[in-house]
Amino acid sequence: MRLDDRSLGFVISFLLGVAWAAVLIGAVSSFLSFYHIGFFFALVSAFIGMLPGLIGIVLLEHIITNKEQQEELKKQTKLLQQLVTQKEQNS
């Protein structure tokens, strides 16, 4: 996982797996439920069945990205503080 916090990383990985499973189950069950009506209608319903899982995936990836950005900003702040201290000592 991309996150430093192991417990949060585990939970988010688990939830991503659940979201991908929801995408697969939603697509297959919707497709098979409406296949007898027509192939195009079945494809549209499969896409609609995938939407809740896809929204979950996007939200979890957004959380991961924001957490990574926060960690990177903390690193940059620490480095900038070190540079300011060095500059003050050299002056």
C-alpha atoms as a PDB file:
ATOM      1  CA  MET A   1       0.000   0.000   0.000  1.00  0.00           C
ATOM      2  CA  ARG A   2       1.100   3.514  -0.633  1.00  0.00           C
ATOM      3  CA  LEU A   3       0.271   4.785   2.846  1.00  0.00           C
ATOM      4  CA  ASP A   4       2.753   4.858   5.726  1.00  0.00           C
ATOM      5  CA  ASP A   5       0.106   4.137   8.362  1.00  0.00           C
ATOM      6  CA  ARG A   6      -0.266   0.345   8.264  1.00  0.00           C
ATOM      7  CA  SER A   7      -3.684   0.108   9.914  1.00  0.00           C
ATOM      8  CA  LEU A   8      -5.199   2.799   7.686  1.00  0.00           C
ATOM      9  CA  GLY A   9      -3.543   1.207   4.666  1.00  0.00           C
ATOM     10  CA  PHE A  10      -5.039  -2.170   5.553  1.00  0.00           C
ATOM     11  CA  VAL A  11      -8.536  -0.741   5.971  1.00  0.00           C
ATOM     12  CA  ILE A  12      -8.374   1.196   2.715  1.00  0.00           C
ATOM     13  CA  SER A  13      -7.000  -1.814   0.827  1.00  0.00           C
ATOM     14  CA  PHE A  14      -9.804  -3.948   2.207  1.00  0.00           C
ATOM     15  CA  LEU A  15     -12.404  -1.357   1.239  1.00  0.00           C
ATOM     16  CA  LEU A  16     -10.916  -1.072  -2.253  1.00  0.00           C
ATOM     17  CA  GLY A  17     -11.262  -4.827  -2.625  1.00  0.00           C
ATOM     18  CA  VAL A  18     -14.873  -4.622  -1.482  1.00  0.00           C
ATOM     19  CA  ALA A  19     -15.534  -1.809  -3.950  1.00  0.00           C
ATOM     20  CA  TRP A  20     -14.015  -3.778  -6.837  1.00  0.00           C
ATOM     21  CA  ALA A  21     -16.103  -6.791  -5.837  1.00  0.00           C
ATOM     22  CA  ALA A  22     -19.200  -4.568  -5.833  1.00  0.00           C
ATOM     23  CA  VAL A  23     -18.297  -3.408  -9.346  1.00  0.00           C
ATOM     24  CA  LEU A  24     -17.969  -6.972 -10.595  1.00  0.00           C
ATOM     25  CA  ILE A  25     -21.068  -8.290  -8.838  1.00  0.00           C
ATOM     26  CA  GLY A  26     -23.144  -5.273  -9.869  1.00  0.00           C
ATOM     27  CA  ALA A  27     -22.102  -5.544 -13.498  1.00  0.00           C
ATOM     28  CA  VAL A  28     -22.589  -9.292 -13.825  1.00  0.00           C
ATOM     29  CA  SER A  29     -25.864  -9.513 -11.915  1.00  0.00           C
ATOM     30  CA  SER A  30     -27.371  -6.535 -13.740  1.00  0.00           C
ATOM     31  CA  PHE A  31     -26.232  -7.840 -17.106  1.00  0.00           C
ATOM     32  CA  LEU A  32     -27.609 -11.316 -16.499  1.00  0.00           C
ATOM     33  CA  SER A  33     -30.874  -9.968 -15.078  1.00  0.00           C
ATOM     34  CA  PHE A  34     -31.666  -7.922 -18.170  1.00  0.00           C
ATOM     35  CA  TYR A  35     -30.023 -10.011 -20.907  1.00  0.00           C
ATOM     36  CA  HIS A  36     -33.336 -11.598 -21.913  1.00  0.00           C
ATOM     37  CA  ILE A  37     -34.778  -8.150 -22.735  1.00  0.00           C
ATOM     38  CA  GLY A  38     -31.972  -7.124 -25.068  1.00  0.00           C
ATOM     39  CA  PHE A  39     -28.195  -6.965 -25.304  1.00  0.00           C
ATOM     40  CA  PHE A  40     -27.955  -3.160 -25.404  1.00  0.00           C
ATOM     41  CA  PHE A  41     -30.320  -2.817 -22.448  1.00  0.00           C
ATOM     42  CA  ALA A  42     -28.231  -5.405 -20.584  1.00  0.00           C
ATOM     43  CA  LEU A  43     -25.037  -3.413 -21.229  1.00  0.00           C
ATOM     44  CA  VAL A  44     -26.638  -0.207 -19.997  1.00  0.00           C
ATOM     45  CA  SER A  45     -27.943  -1.912 -16.867  1.00  0.00           C
ATOM     46  CA  ALA A  46     -24.499  -3.464 -16.259  1.00  0.00           C
ATOM     47  CA  PHE A  47     -22.950  -0.003 -16.374  1.00  0.00           C
ATOM     48  CA  ILE A  48     -25.578   1.313 -13.970  1.00  0.00           C
ATOM     49  CA  GLY A  49     -24.923  -1.671 -11.696  1.00  0.00           C
ATOM     50  CA  MET A  50     -21.212  -0.831 -11.649  1.00  0.00           C
ATOM     51  CA  LEU A  51     -21.699   2.808 -10.637  1.00  0.00           C
ATOM     52  CA  PRO A  52     -21.922   2.396  -6.832  1.00  0.00           C
ATOM     53  CA  GLY A  53     -18.690   0.386  -6.754  1.00  0.00           C
ATOM     54  CA  LEU A  54     -16.936   2.798  -9.105  1.00  0.00           C
ATOM     55  CA  ILE A  55     -17.963   5.748  -6.961  1.00  0.00           C
ATOM     56  CA  GLY A  56     -16.533   3.939  -3.933  1.00  0.00           C
ATOM     57  CA  ILE A  57     -13.258   3.331  -5.754  1.00  0.00           C
ATOM     58  CA  VAL A  58     -12.970   6.976  -6.781  1.00  0.00           C
ATOM     59  CA  LEU A  59     -13.656   8.158  -3.234  1.00  0.00           C
ATOM     60  CA  LEU A  60     -11.089   5.769  -1.719  1.00  0.00           C
ATOM     61  CA  GLU A  61      -8.460   6.749  -4.283  1.00  0.00           C
ATOM     62  CA  HIS A  62      -9.187  10.390  -3.466  1.00  0.00           C
ATOM     63  CA  ILE A  63      -8.585   9.646   0.218  1.00  0.00           C
ATOM     64  CA  ILE A  64      -5.299   7.900  -0.619  1.00  0.00           C
ATOM     65  CA  THR A  65      -4.142  10.756  -2.832  1.00  0.00           C
ATOM     66  CA  ASN A  66      -4.960  13.395  -0.208  1.00  0.00           C
ATOM     67  CA  LYS A  67      -3.171  11.412   2.500  1.00  0.00           C
ATOM     68  CA  GLU A  68      -0.081  11.038   0.271  1.00  0.00           C
ATOM     69  CA  GLN A  69      -0.151  14.759  -0.497  1.00  0.00           C
ATOM     70  CA  GLN A  70      -0.368  15.570   3.205  1.00  0.00           C
ATOM     71  CA  GLU A  71       2.628  13.331   3.981  1.00  0.00           C
ATOM     72  CA  GLU A  72       4.643  14.915   1.166  1.00  0.00           C
ATOM     73  CA  LEU A  73       3.803  18.413   2.399  1.00  0.00           C
ATOM     74  CA  LYS A  74       4.978  17.435   5.891  1.00  0.00           C
ATOM     75  CA  LYS A  75       8.310  16.269   4.436  1.00  0.00           C
ATOM     76  CA  GLN A  76       8.688  19.463   2.434  1.00  0.00           C
ATOM     77  CA  THR A  77       7.866  21.616   5.458  1.00  0.00           C
ATOM     78  CA  LYS A  78      10.488  19.816   7.523  1.00  0.00           C
ATOM     79  CA  LEU A  79      13.112  20.316   4.803  1.00  0.00           C
ATOM     80  CA  LEU A  80      12.219  24.000   4.423  1.00  0.00           C
ATOM     81  CA  GLN A  81      12.512  24.504   8.167  1.00  0.00           C
ATOM     82  CA  GLN A  82      15.964  22.904   8.074  1.00  0.00           C
ATOM     83  CA  LEU A  83      17.008  25.214   5.228  1.00  0.00           C
ATOM     84  CA  VAL A  84      15.775  28.287   7.113  1.00  0.00           C
ATOM     85  CA  THR A  85      17.691  27.206  10.222  1.00  0.00           C
ATOM     86  CA  GLN A  86      20.859  26.651   8.189  1.00  0.00           C
ATOM     87  CA  LYS A  87      20.496  30.040   6.543  1.00  0.00           C
ATOM     88  CA  GLU A  88      20.020  31.732   9.907  1.00  0.00           C
ATOM     89  CA  GLN A  89      23.095  29.991  11.305  1.00  0.00           C
ATOM     90  CA  ASN A  90      25.235  30.977   8.314  1.00  0.00           C
ATOM     91  CA  SER A  91      24.163  34.608   8.437  1.00  0.00           C
END
